Amino acid sequence: MSYRVVWFKRDLRVHDHAPLADAARQGPVLCLYVVEPSLWAQPDAATQHYRFIAESLADLDRELRARDSRLHLAVGEVVEVLDRLHHQAPFAALHAHEETGNAHTHARDRAVARWCRERGVAWREWPQFGVVRGLRDRRLWQPRWEALMAQPQLAAPERLVPVDTGGEPAQPLASDLPYTGGPPLCQIPGGPFSLHPRPWSATALPSAPALGLPPWEAPQRQRGGRARGLAVLDDFLSDRSARYRGGISSPLSAPDACSRLSAHLAYGNLGLREVVQATRATRRALPPEAARQKQGLQAFHSRLYWHCHFIQKLESEPELEWRNLHRGYDGLREADWNPAHFDALTQGRTGWPMVDACVAMLRATGWLNFRMRAMLVSVAAYPLWLHWREVGHWLAREFLDYEPGIHWPQVQMQSGTTGINATRVYNPVKQALDHDPHGHFVRRWLPALRRVPDSWLFEPWRMPPDLQARCGVRVGDDIPVPPVDLATALRQAKDRLHALRRQPAVKAAQAAVVDKHGSRRGMPGGGRNARGEERPAPKARRGPTSAPSGTTAGQLSLDF
C-alpha cells in the first residue's frame, strides 16, 4: 500500500498544517517525529527545549489519535531513519515544512533532499512562516508575507488513514509526563538508531541525559503543547493585550504584558498565520472605547511582522550564524576574548545589579523581555568586549523560545556587526533607573541586595564599609565588583567601533548589506536614514502593520 510520510519538526500541531493536509488528501499517512542525536549535540541545544518539545509531542499524539492516527517516533539521524523505513515499507513522498534553523538543520535538510532524489521519493515542503526561500529581491518579501497571512487557515483533517509499521500498540499519554525516563540511547534496539518508527509512548523517548544534554532546566519555564498555546493566546487577546504597549519594556511588567507566545510559535504549537488572523479579528471586533487594547494589538501585530523579517535574514544568508553580517567587522573582537568576563556574565556576577538580576530571572524562567535581552548582549559586546558567537550560544540555551532566524540577526545587531543598524549601547545602571526605579525587580532576584538602601542599590560596590556592615553584606563577596569601570569601558568600546565604521572600505561595503537585508519603506519601521541604517519606526497612524511610536526596528522581534 502506497503511503506518505509527514515529518514533523518545529511545527507540532495538526491545525493549519499544509504538509499534513496535503498528504491526508492523497491516502494513508505516517506521522513521524525523529529525535536526532546530532541535533541535540549542537551548542545551541538545551534540556528545556527538549522537554518543551516532549510536552508538545504528547499533545500532537492526542490530536492524531482523535483522527484515528498516531504519532510515530524514531531515534537516529533522519536520513538513516528514512532509509530504514523506506526499505521496510517504501513510501511515495515525504511532506514537511521548510525550516530556517541552525547550520546543522540546514545541512540535514540538504542531505534529506539528496536522499529523496536518489530514492525517487517526492520531497514536498511548504513555508512555515512568512519566509521566502530563494528570495532574490528584498522588495518582493512584503507582498509575499501579506498574501500568505491573508490565505484561509487549513482545517485539521477530520480523519487520517493510518499506516501500520508493525510496532507495539501505544497507550494515550498523560497530560504532564515528566519525560525524564526511558532507556539510555545505547540500549534502544538496533544500537543508537531504532530499526523503524515506533508508536509514540513515553518510554520510547530517550531521556535528556541519554542525548548528552545536562539535567538542568529552568524550573519555572513555560510548558509546551497546543492546548497551552491556545490558552495563552486567548488570555492575551482578550485581556493582557491592553497592557502590552506600555508594559513590555520593564522586566517588572513584561512577564504579563507580553503575549508569552514566542515559545509556542518557535515550536509550532500555534501557526503564525493563525496568530496573525486572530489578532486582526480581535482588534476589528473591539468597540471604540477599548482604545488601549486596540493599540496593544496593533503593536503586537507589528512584532509578528518583524518576526518573519528577521528570520528572512538567516534564510537569505545562513552564514550570519557564525560570521559577521558585515565582513568589515571581522577581527573587531575575536582576538580579545576574556573568559573571566564571560564567566561573570553567565554566572550573574558582573556586579551590575540589573544585569545579574536578569540572568537570575532567565535561569529560573527561560524567558526575558526583549529590552533586557538586548541589554545583556550590549553589556557583553561593549563594556565586557566579548565576541557575539559564544554569547549567542549561551543565550540560545537559556532562551526557551530560541528561534535561530531571530536570534542570530538580533545578537549581531546588538553587538554592532551588521553595518546597517545604529549603535545600541545599553548602560545597565541607566536601564535599572528607567525600568526598575524602586528596585523591586533587582531585590526580587538578588536576595543579597534586599537590605541595601535605594541610593546605593544600582551601584552597590560603591557602598562605604560601615554601611556594608549595617546591611549585612560585603562587597567582593556577597556583592560582586564589576570587572571593568563602566564609563571607561563604554567610551573605549564605542571609540573602537566608530573608528572602524569610519573606514572607507567598511562604509563602501555597507550598501551591499543594506540591499540584501535592510528593511523597506512600507514595512513597520521601514526605510533607512542617510547613512543607510534602518531608521526608527514612525508613530503609529493607522492599520495594524504600523509600529508603535519610539520603537526601533531592532527592538521589535522578541517582544512577544
Protein backbone atom coordinates (compact mmCIF):
# COMPACT_ATOMS: atom_id res chain seq x y z
CA MET A 1 0.00 0.00 0.00
CA SER A 2 1.47 3.33 -1.06
CA TYR A 3 1.61 5.94 1.68
CA ARG A 4 3.14 9.29 2.53
CA VAL A 5 5.31 10.37 5.43
CA VAL A 6 4.67 13.67 7.21
CA TRP A 7 7.85 14.67 9.01
CA PHE A 8 7.13 16.94 11.97
CA LYS A 9 9.95 19.27 13.02
CA ARG A 10 9.18 22.64 14.65
CA ASP A 11 5.52 22.50 13.59
CA LEU A 12 3.94 20.40 16.33
CA ARG A 13 0.23 20.74 15.61
CA VAL A 14 -2.40 19.47 13.17
CA HIS A 15 -4.24 22.77 12.59
CA ASP A 16 -3.20 24.91 9.60
CA HIS A 17 -0.54 22.35 8.76
CA ALA A 18 -0.12 22.30 4.98
CA PRO A 19 2.09 19.16 4.72
CA LEU A 20 -0.37 17.13 6.78
CA ALA A 21 -3.42 18.47 4.95
CA ASP A 22 -1.93 17.73 1.53
CA ALA A 23 -0.75 14.24 2.47
CA ALA A 24 -4.12 13.38 4.04
CA ARG A 25 -5.94 14.19 0.81
CA GLN A 26 -3.86 11.63 -1.07
CA GLY A 27 -4.18 8.50 1.05
CA PRO A 28 -2.56 6.80 4.07
CA VAL A 29 -0.22 8.92 6.17
CA LEU A 30 2.54 8.04 8.59
CA CYS A 31 3.16 10.89 11.03
CA LEU A 32 6.80 10.90 12.07
CA TYR A 33 8.96 12.72 14.59
CA VAL A 34 12.68 11.97 14.69
CA VAL A 35 14.81 12.51 17.79
CA GLU A 36 18.16 13.37 16.22
CA PRO A 37 21.18 12.78 18.49
CA SER A 38 23.42 15.02 16.40
CA LEU A 39 20.90 17.88 16.61
CA TRP A 40 20.82 17.71 20.40
CA ALA A 41 24.63 17.69 20.48
CA GLN A 42 24.75 21.19 18.96
CA PRO A 43 25.95 24.09 21.16
CA ASP A 44 22.58 25.87 20.97
CA ALA A 45 20.56 22.89 22.32
CA ALA A 46 19.25 22.67 25.88
CA THR A 47 17.22 20.32 28.05
CA GLN A 48 14.41 22.85 28.40
CA HIS A 49 13.97 22.86 24.60
CA TYR A 50 13.78 19.07 24.57
CA ARG A 51 11.22 18.90 27.36
CA PHE A 52 9.04 21.59 25.79
CA ILE A 53 9.06 19.56 22.58
CA ALA A 54 8.20 16.38 24.50
CA GLU A 55 5.17 18.08 26.03
CA SER A 56 4.17 19.33 22.58
CA LEU A 57 4.54 15.84 21.10
CA ALA A 58 2.18 14.47 23.74
CA ASP A 59 -0.46 16.98 22.66
CA LEU A 60 0.21 16.20 19.00
CA ASP A 61 -0.20 12.49 19.60
CA ARG A 62 -3.57 13.07 21.28
CA GLU A 63 -4.74 15.17 18.34
CA LEU A 64 -3.68 12.48 15.88
CA ARG A 65 -5.39 9.75 17.88
CA ALA A 66 -8.61 11.73 17.75
CA ARG A 67 -8.30 11.35 13.97
CA ASP A 68 -7.67 7.57 14.01
CA SER A 69 -3.94 8.02 13.55
CA ARG A 70 -0.95 8.20 15.88
CA LEU A 71 2.47 9.77 16.11
CA HIS A 72 5.45 7.56 15.32
CA LEU A 73 8.80 8.21 16.96
CA ALA A 74 12.23 7.30 15.64
CA VAL A 75 15.59 7.91 17.27
CA GLY A 76 18.52 8.47 14.94
CA GLU A 77 19.76 10.60 12.09
CA VAL A 78 16.96 11.49 9.71
CA VAL A 79 18.47 10.08 6.52
CA GLU A 80 19.17 6.73 8.15
CA VAL A 81 15.68 6.62 9.69
CA LEU A 82 14.09 7.36 6.32
CA ASP A 83 16.30 4.79 4.61
CA ARG A 84 15.32 2.05 7.05
CA LEU A 85 11.67 2.98 6.89
CA HIS A 86 11.73 3.03 3.08
CA HIS A 87 13.49 -0.34 2.98
CA GLN A 88 10.85 -1.79 5.32
CA ALA A 89 7.84 -0.26 3.55
CA PRO A 90 8.55 2.07 0.57
CA PHE A 91 6.65 5.36 0.68
CA ALA A 92 5.77 7.66 -2.19
CA ALA A 93 6.50 11.10 -0.77
CA LEU A 94 7.94 12.96 2.18
CA HIS A 95 5.99 16.03 3.33
CA ALA A 96 7.38 18.69 5.68
CA HIS A 97 7.54 22.38 6.45
CA GLU A 98 10.55 24.42 5.46
CA GLU A 99 12.80 25.19 8.41
CA THR A 100 15.12 28.16 8.83
CA GLY A 101 17.22 26.66 11.57
CA ASN A 102 20.86 26.48 12.53
CA ALA A 103 23.65 25.32 10.24
CA HIS A 104 23.15 21.72 11.33
CA THR A 105 19.48 21.58 10.28
CA HIS A 106 20.36 23.34 7.03
CA ALA A 107 22.90 20.61 6.20
CA ARG A 108 20.49 17.89 7.35
CA ASP A 109 17.69 19.12 5.08
CA ARG A 110 20.08 19.20 2.13
CA ALA A 111 21.04 15.60 2.91
CA VAL A 112 17.36 14.62 3.06
CA ALA A 113 16.78 16.27 -0.33
CA ARG A 114 19.67 14.27 -1.83
CA TRP A 115 18.34 11.05 -0.32
CA CYS A 116 14.87 11.70 -1.78
CA ARG A 117 16.33 12.31 -5.24
CA GLU A 118 18.38 9.12 -5.08
CA ARG A 119 15.41 7.02 -3.95
CA GLY A 120 12.87 8.60 -6.26
CA VAL A 121 10.80 9.88 -3.31
CA ALA A 122 8.92 13.12 -3.87
CA TRP A 123 10.12 15.79 -1.41
CA ARG A 124 7.39 18.34 -0.72
CA GLU A 125 8.00 21.39 1.50
CA TRP A 126 5.73 24.27 2.50
CA PRO A 127 6.56 27.62 4.12
CA GLN A 128 6.20 27.55 7.90
CA PHE A 129 6.32 31.33 8.38
CA GLY A 130 6.22 34.32 6.06
CA VAL A 131 9.74 33.48 4.89
CA VAL A 132 10.52 33.13 1.20
CA ARG A 133 13.06 30.51 0.19
CA GLY A 134 15.32 31.61 -2.66
CA LEU A 135 14.26 35.26 -2.37
CA ARG A 136 16.42 37.38 -4.70
CA ASP A 137 14.89 40.81 -4.23
CA ARG A 138 14.01 42.01 -0.75
CA ARG A 139 11.35 44.30 -2.21
CA LEU A 140 9.29 41.23 -3.06
CA TRP A 141 9.17 40.00 0.53
CA GLN A 142 6.43 42.20 1.97
CA PRO A 143 3.70 41.35 -0.59
CA ARG A 144 4.53 37.65 -0.26
CA TRP A 145 4.15 37.89 3.52
CA GLU A 146 0.84 39.72 3.24
CA ALA A 147 -0.50 37.20 0.72
CA LEU A 148 0.41 34.21 2.91
CA MET A 149 -1.11 35.74 6.04
CA ALA A 150 -4.34 36.54 4.16
CA GLN A 151 -4.90 32.97 2.96
CA PRO A 152 -7.55 30.93 4.79
CA GLN A 153 -6.26 28.66 7.51
CA LEU A 154 -6.24 24.95 6.74
CA ALA A 155 -8.55 22.93 8.96
CA ALA A 156 -7.11 19.85 10.61
CA PRO A 157 -8.05 16.67 8.71
CA GLU A 158 -11.16 15.07 10.17
CA ARG A 159 -9.65 11.61 9.78
CA LEU A 160 -6.27 10.23 8.78
CA VAL A 161 -5.79 6.84 7.19
CA PRO A 162 -3.06 5.30 9.38
CA VAL A 163 -0.08 3.20 8.33
CA ASP A 164 0.88 0.14 10.36
CA THR A 165 4.67 -0.17 10.80
CA GLY A 166 4.47 -3.25 12.95
CA GLY A 167 5.17 -1.54 16.26
CA GLU A 168 3.51 -2.35 19.54
CA PRO A 169 0.25 -0.55 20.33
CA ALA A 170 0.80 2.56 22.42
CA GLN A 171 -1.41 3.85 25.18
CA PRO A 172 -2.53 7.50 25.26
CA LEU A 173 -0.20 9.74 27.19
CA ALA A 174 -0.96 11.52 30.43
CA SER A 175 -1.09 15.28 30.19
CA ASP A 176 2.05 16.04 32.24
CA LEU A 177 4.57 13.23 31.90
CA PRO A 178 7.99 14.24 33.26
CA TYR A 179 9.88 12.72 30.31
CA THR A 180 12.93 12.00 32.41
CA GLY A 181 12.79 8.25 31.99
CA GLY A 182 13.32 5.99 29.04
CA PRO A 183 16.30 3.76 28.35
CA PRO A 184 19.74 5.18 27.62
CA LEU A 185 20.19 5.77 23.91
CA CYS A 186 22.67 2.94 23.50
CA GLN A 187 20.08 0.38 24.71
CA ILE A 188 17.50 1.20 22.07
CA PRO A 189 17.09 -1.80 19.74
CA GLY A 190 19.42 -1.59 16.79
CA GLY A 191 22.14 0.29 18.66
CA PRO A 192 21.91 4.08 18.63
CA PHE A 193 19.21 4.01 15.96
CA SER A 194 15.76 2.48 16.19
CA LEU A 195 15.07 -0.07 13.47
CA HIS A 196 11.81 1.56 12.48
CA PRO A 197 9.49 4.23 13.83
CA ARG A 198 7.57 3.10 16.88
CA PRO A 199 4.16 4.27 18.00
CA TRP A 200 4.63 7.20 20.33
CA SER A 201 4.97 6.40 24.02
CA ALA A 202 6.75 7.89 26.98
CA THR A 203 9.28 5.08 27.21
CA ALA A 204 10.20 5.41 23.55
CA LEU A 205 11.51 8.92 24.13
CA PRO A 206 15.18 9.00 25.18
CA SER A 207 15.99 10.86 28.35
CA ALA A 208 17.76 14.20 28.07
CA PRO A 209 20.99 12.84 29.65
CA ALA A 210 20.94 9.96 27.15
CA LEU A 211 21.22 12.59 24.42
CA GLY A 212 24.12 14.27 26.19
CA LEU A 213 22.03 17.15 27.49
CA PRO A 214 22.67 18.39 31.04
CA PRO A 215 19.90 17.58 33.52
CA TRP A 216 19.34 21.22 34.49
CA GLU A 217 16.45 23.22 33.06
CA ALA A 218 14.68 26.44 34.04
CA PRO A 219 12.36 25.32 36.87
CA GLN A 220 9.69 27.96 36.14
CA ARG A 221 9.68 27.67 32.35
CA GLN A 222 6.51 27.59 30.26
CA ARG A 223 5.14 24.17 29.34
CA GLY A 224 4.60 23.07 25.76
CA GLY A 225 1.63 21.82 23.79
CA ARG A 226 -1.08 23.26 21.60
CA ALA A 227 -3.71 23.30 24.34
CA ARG A 228 -1.49 25.51 26.48
CA GLY A 229 -0.61 27.70 23.49
CA LEU A 230 -4.26 28.32 22.69
CA ALA A 231 -4.99 29.21 26.31
CA VAL A 232 -2.12 31.74 26.36
CA LEU A 233 -3.29 33.24 23.05
CA ASP A 234 -6.87 33.63 24.25
CA ASP A 235 -5.77 35.18 27.54
CA PHE A 236 -3.55 37.69 25.75
CA LEU A 237 -6.04 38.73 23.09
CA SER A 238 -8.96 39.06 25.49
CA ASP A 239 -7.20 40.72 28.42
CA ARG A 240 -3.44 41.19 28.67
CA SER A 241 -3.04 42.95 25.32
CA ALA A 242 -4.37 46.12 26.98
CA ARG A 243 -1.12 46.26 28.98
CA TYR A 244 1.13 45.39 26.05
CA ARG A 245 2.08 48.76 24.69
CA GLY A 246 3.17 50.34 27.96
CA GLY A 247 4.33 47.21 29.73
CA ILE A 248 6.78 45.34 27.55
CA SER A 249 9.97 47.28 28.38
CA SER A 250 10.20 46.83 32.14
CA PRO A 251 11.05 43.36 33.44
CA LEU A 252 8.55 44.04 36.22
CA SER A 253 5.52 44.32 33.94
CA ALA A 254 6.68 42.43 30.84
CA PRO A 255 6.05 38.85 32.09
CA ASP A 256 2.30 39.57 31.99
CA ALA A 257 2.16 42.38 29.43
CA CYS A 258 3.99 40.46 26.71
CA SER A 259 1.99 37.84 24.88
CA ARG A 260 4.24 34.95 26.03
CA LEU A 261 3.53 33.21 22.72
CA SER A 262 7.11 33.13 21.49
CA ALA A 263 7.89 29.55 22.54
CA HIS A 264 4.58 28.27 21.15
CA LEU A 265 5.41 29.93 17.82
CA ALA A 266 9.01 28.72 17.83
CA TYR A 267 7.97 25.06 18.12
CA GLY A 268 4.83 25.33 16.06
CA ASN A 269 2.19 24.67 18.71
CA LEU A 270 0.50 27.63 17.02
CA GLY A 271 0.84 28.71 13.42
CA LEU A 272 1.92 32.26 12.67
CA ARG A 273 -0.98 32.80 10.25
CA GLU A 274 -3.34 31.58 12.96
CA VAL A 275 -1.99 34.15 15.44
CA VAL A 276 -1.92 36.98 12.87
CA GLN A 277 -5.52 36.40 11.84
CA ALA A 278 -6.72 36.01 15.42
CA THR A 279 -5.01 39.30 16.32
CA ARG A 280 -6.60 41.12 13.40
CA ALA A 281 -10.05 39.69 14.08
CA THR A 282 -9.91 40.57 17.78
CA ARG A 283 -8.81 44.11 17.05
CA ARG A 284 -11.60 44.64 14.50
CA ALA A 285 -14.22 43.35 16.92
CA LEU A 286 -13.25 45.64 19.78
CA PRO A 287 -15.52 48.62 20.49
CA PRO A 288 -14.13 52.17 20.11
CA GLU A 289 -13.82 52.62 23.86
CA ALA A 290 -11.26 49.76 24.03
CA ALA A 291 -8.60 52.07 22.60
CA ARG A 292 -5.80 50.83 24.84
CA GLN A 293 -6.38 47.23 23.88
CA LYS A 294 -6.59 48.15 20.18
CA GLN A 295 -3.24 49.91 20.44
CA GLY A 296 -1.72 46.92 22.18
CA LEU A 297 -2.91 44.54 19.50
CA GLN A 298 -1.66 46.91 16.79
CA ALA A 299 1.80 46.97 18.36
CA PHE A 300 1.80 43.18 18.78
CA HIS A 301 0.83 42.71 15.14
CA SER A 302 3.86 44.77 14.11
CA ARG A 303 6.11 42.43 16.02
CA LEU A 304 4.63 39.41 14.29
CA TYR A 305 5.55 41.12 11.02
CA TRP A 306 9.12 41.74 12.14
CA HIS A 307 9.35 38.15 13.41
CA CYS A 308 9.47 36.96 9.80
CA HIS A 309 11.57 39.94 8.64
CA PHE A 310 14.42 38.75 10.85
CA ILE A 311 14.05 35.05 10.04
CA GLN A 312 14.29 36.03 6.37
CA LYS A 313 17.78 37.41 7.08
CA LEU A 314 19.06 33.99 8.19
CA GLU A 315 17.18 32.28 5.37
CA SER A 316 18.88 34.56 2.84
CA GLU A 317 22.32 34.31 4.46
CA PRO A 318 22.77 31.26 6.73
CA GLU A 319 26.39 32.24 7.34
CA LEU A 320 25.39 35.04 9.70
CA GLU A 321 25.01 32.36 12.38
CA TRP A 322 28.80 32.08 12.58
CA ARG A 323 30.33 35.09 10.80
CA ASN A 324 29.80 38.83 10.89
CA LEU A 325 26.98 40.04 8.67
CA HIS A 326 29.24 42.89 7.53
CA ARG A 327 32.64 41.32 6.84
CA GLY A 328 34.36 44.62 7.50
CA TYR A 329 33.87 43.92 11.22
CA ASP A 330 35.91 40.71 11.11
CA GLY A 331 38.63 40.92 13.72
CA LEU A 332 36.91 43.58 15.81
CA ARG A 333 36.61 41.41 18.94
CA GLU A 334 37.76 37.92 18.01
CA ALA A 335 41.29 38.22 19.40
CA ASP A 336 40.20 39.84 22.68
CA TRP A 337 38.16 37.03 24.24
CA ASN A 338 38.20 37.28 28.03
CA PRO A 339 37.00 34.08 29.79
CA ALA A 340 36.69 35.85 33.14
CA HIS A 341 34.31 38.42 31.64
CA PHE A 342 32.23 35.65 30.06
CA ASP A 343 32.06 33.72 33.32
CA ALA A 344 30.98 36.83 35.21
CA LEU A 345 28.18 37.39 32.71
CA THR A 346 26.88 33.82 32.54
CA GLN A 347 27.06 33.33 36.31
CA GLY A 348 25.27 36.61 37.04
CA ARG A 349 28.32 38.06 38.81
CA THR A 350 29.03 41.20 36.78
CA GLY A 351 28.32 43.44 39.78
CA TRP A 352 25.78 45.47 37.78
CA PRO A 353 22.55 44.55 39.59
CA MET A 354 20.19 44.91 36.63
CA VAL A 355 22.35 42.57 34.55
CA ASP A 356 22.75 40.00 37.28
CA ALA A 357 19.04 40.08 38.15
CA CYS A 358 18.15 39.47 34.51
CA VAL A 359 20.49 36.48 34.37
CA ALA A 360 18.88 35.11 37.54
CA MET A 361 15.39 35.52 36.06
CA LEU A 362 16.47 33.93 32.80
CA ARG A 363 17.94 30.94 34.60
CA ALA A 364 14.73 30.47 36.57
CA THR A 365 12.14 31.03 33.84
CA GLY A 366 13.82 30.58 30.44
CA TRP A 367 12.38 33.93 29.38
CA LEU A 368 13.24 37.61 29.47
CA ASN A 369 11.65 40.58 27.74
CA PHE A 370 13.38 41.96 24.69
CA ARG A 371 14.81 45.16 26.15
CA MET A 372 16.57 43.18 28.84
CA ARG A 373 17.79 40.63 26.29
CA ALA A 374 19.23 43.47 24.26
CA MET A 375 20.86 44.87 27.39
CA LEU A 376 22.58 41.54 28.12
CA VAL A 377 24.03 41.37 24.61
CA SER A 378 25.03 45.03 24.72
CA VAL A 379 26.83 44.58 28.06
CA ALA A 380 28.61 41.54 26.64
CA ALA A 381 29.60 43.35 23.45
CA TYR A 382 30.66 46.77 24.79
CA PRO A 383 31.91 47.06 28.38
CA LEU A 384 32.90 43.35 28.51
CA TRP A 385 34.05 43.40 24.84
CA LEU A 386 33.04 39.79 24.13
CA HIS A 387 32.55 38.40 20.64
CA TRP A 388 28.91 37.60 19.96
CA ARG A 389 29.30 33.94 18.92
CA GLU A 390 29.77 32.31 22.34
CA VAL A 391 27.43 34.81 23.96
CA GLY A 392 24.84 33.82 21.36
CA HIS A 393 25.23 30.12 22.09
CA TRP A 394 24.84 30.73 25.81
CA LEU A 395 21.68 32.77 25.32
CA ALA A 396 20.28 30.26 22.82
CA ARG A 397 20.43 27.62 25.54
CA GLU A 398 18.94 29.96 28.12
CA PHE A 399 16.03 31.17 25.93
CA LEU A 400 13.20 28.64 25.89
CA ASP A 401 11.82 30.43 22.81
CA TYR A 402 15.12 30.24 20.88
CA GLU A 403 14.36 30.83 17.21
CA PRO A 404 17.62 30.80 15.18
CA GLY A 405 16.34 33.13 12.48
CA ILE A 406 15.53 35.81 15.04
CA HIS A 407 18.31 35.07 17.49
CA TRP A 408 21.44 35.42 15.35
CA PRO A 409 20.49 38.61 13.46
CA GLN A 410 19.48 40.18 16.77
CA VAL A 411 22.68 39.14 18.57
CA GLN A 412 24.72 40.66 15.76
CA MET A 413 22.57 43.78 15.67
CA GLN A 414 23.03 44.44 19.36
CA SER A 415 26.77 43.74 19.02
CA GLY A 416 27.17 46.31 16.23
CA THR A 417 28.41 43.98 13.47
CA THR A 418 25.59 44.28 10.92
CA GLY A 419 26.81 47.52 9.38
CA ILE A 420 23.24 48.74 8.79
CA ASN A 421 21.98 49.45 12.30
CA ALA A 422 22.63 52.34 14.64
CA THR A 423 24.93 51.51 17.56
CA ARG A 424 22.84 50.32 20.51
CA VAL A 425 24.71 50.63 23.79
CA TYR A 426 22.66 49.94 26.91
CA ASN A 427 24.01 51.38 30.15
CA PRO A 428 22.89 48.86 32.81
CA VAL A 429 22.73 51.47 35.56
CA LYS A 430 20.51 53.74 33.46
CA GLN A 431 18.33 50.77 32.47
CA ALA A 432 17.79 49.99 36.15
CA LEU A 433 16.85 53.58 36.93
CA ASP A 434 14.48 53.74 33.95
CA HIS A 435 12.75 50.37 34.32
CA ASP A 436 13.13 49.41 37.99
CA PRO A 437 13.30 52.78 39.77
CA HIS A 438 12.26 51.38 43.15
CA GLY A 439 14.42 48.28 42.92
CA HIS A 440 11.60 45.74 43.11
CA PHE A 441 12.95 43.60 40.26
CA VAL A 442 16.56 43.68 41.42
CA ARG A 443 15.65 42.84 45.02
CA ARG A 444 13.37 40.00 43.95
CA TRP A 445 16.11 38.20 42.02
CA LEU A 446 19.17 39.22 44.06
CA PRO A 447 18.42 38.47 47.73
CA ALA A 448 21.81 39.84 48.85
CA LEU A 449 20.67 43.34 47.88
CA ARG A 450 17.36 43.35 49.72
CA ARG A 451 18.73 45.37 52.63
CA VAL A 452 20.78 47.77 50.50
CA PRO A 453 19.31 51.33 50.50
CA ASP A 454 17.86 52.69 47.29
CA SER A 455 20.63 55.27 46.94
CA TRP A 456 23.24 52.51 46.59
CA LEU A 457 21.14 49.76 45.02
CA PHE A 458 22.26 50.07 41.41
CA GLU A 459 25.93 50.74 42.23
CA PRO A 460 26.35 48.72 45.43
CA TRP A 461 30.10 48.23 45.02
CA ARG A 462 30.49 51.90 45.97
CA MET A 463 28.96 51.43 49.45
CA PRO A 464 31.17 52.52 52.38
CA PRO A 465 32.37 49.65 54.60
CA ASP A 466 30.32 50.79 57.60
CA LEU A 467 27.12 50.74 55.53
CA GLN A 468 28.01 47.29 54.19
CA ALA A 469 28.26 46.08 57.76
CA ARG A 470 24.86 47.52 58.69
CA CYS A 471 23.31 45.88 55.60
CA GLY A 472 24.94 42.53 56.35
CA VAL A 473 26.77 42.32 53.01
CA ARG A 474 30.35 42.52 51.85
CA VAL A 475 31.50 43.98 48.54
CA GLY A 476 33.66 41.43 46.78
CA ASP A 477 31.86 38.56 48.47
CA ASP A 478 28.05 38.90 48.59
CA ILE A 479 28.22 41.75 46.10
CA PRO A 480 30.49 41.33 43.07
CA VAL A 481 32.75 44.14 41.93
CA PRO A 482 32.29 44.92 38.22
CA PRO A 483 35.23 43.60 36.17
CA VAL A 484 35.68 46.97 34.41
CA ASP A 485 34.92 50.60 35.06
CA LEU A 486 31.65 51.03 33.20
CA ALA A 487 32.09 54.60 31.92
CA THR A 488 35.65 53.99 30.72
CA ALA A 489 34.86 50.65 29.09
CA LEU A 490 31.81 52.02 27.27
CA ARG A 491 33.76 55.00 25.96
CA GLN A 492 36.62 52.84 24.72
CA ALA A 493 34.26 50.32 23.10
CA LYS A 494 32.33 52.98 21.21
CA ASP A 495 35.54 54.64 20.09
CA ARG A 496 36.85 51.36 18.67
CA LEU A 497 33.60 50.57 16.90
CA HIS A 498 33.10 54.03 15.44
CA ALA A 499 36.71 54.23 14.25
CA LEU A 500 36.13 51.04 12.28
CA ARG A 501 32.80 52.28 10.89
CA ARG A 502 34.51 55.39 9.52
CA GLN A 503 36.99 53.43 7.43
CA PRO A 504 36.27 53.90 3.71
CA ALA A 505 36.25 50.18 2.93
CA VAL A 506 33.76 49.48 5.70
CA LYS A 507 31.49 52.32 4.59
CA ALA A 508 31.69 51.19 0.97
CA ALA A 509 30.63 47.62 1.79
CA GLN A 510 27.58 48.80 3.73
CA ALA A 511 25.44 49.28 0.62
CA ALA A 512 25.54 45.57 -0.27
CA VAL A 513 24.37 44.59 3.21
CA VAL A 514 21.54 47.12 3.06
CA ASP A 515 20.45 45.84 -0.35
CA LYS A 516 20.28 42.24 0.84
CA HIS A 517 18.95 42.62 4.37
CA GLY A 518 17.69 46.15 5.03
CA SER A 519 14.08 46.98 5.71
CA ARG A 520 11.99 48.69 3.03
CA ARG A 521 9.54 51.55 3.11
CA GLY A 522 6.03 50.33 3.77
CA MET A 523 7.20 47.88 6.40
CA PRO A 524 6.75 48.64 10.09
CA GLY A 525 9.62 50.95 10.95
CA GLY A 526 10.79 50.62 7.34
CA GLY A 527 13.18 52.86 5.49
CA ARG A 528 16.72 53.97 6.28
CA ASN A 529 18.49 57.14 7.27
CA ALA A 530 21.15 58.97 5.25
CA ARG A 531 23.84 56.53 6.38
CA GLY A 532 21.82 53.53 5.23
CA GLU A 533 20.91 52.48 8.77
CA GLU A 534 17.46 51.12 9.50
CA ARG A 535 15.54 54.12 10.78
CA PRO A 536 13.36 54.18 13.92
CA ALA A 537 9.73 53.35 13.33
CA PRO A 538 7.32 56.23 12.79
CA LYS A 539 4.39 56.92 15.04
CA ALA A 540 1.56 54.51 14.55
CA ARG A 541 -1.09 56.25 12.45
CA ARG A 542 -3.39 53.62 11.07
CA GLY A 543 -3.56 49.99 10.16
CA PRO A 544 -2.31 47.06 12.19
CA THR A 545 1.10 46.94 10.49
CA SER A 546 2.28 50.29 11.80
CA ALA A 547 4.91 50.02 14.50
CA PRO A 548 4.50 51.69 17.89
CA SER A 549 5.98 55.09 18.46
CA GLY A 550 9.54 55.30 19.65
CA THR A 551 10.41 51.70 18.83
CA THR A 552 13.33 50.87 16.60
CA ALA A 553 13.26 48.10 14.08
CA GLY A 554 15.75 46.10 16.09
CA GLN A 555 13.63 46.23 19.20
CA LEU A 556 10.59 44.56 17.72
CA SER A 557 11.09 40.92 17.11
CA LEU A 558 11.30 39.38 20.57
CA ASP A 559 8.64 41.34 22.44
CA PHE A 560 6.14 38.50 22.12
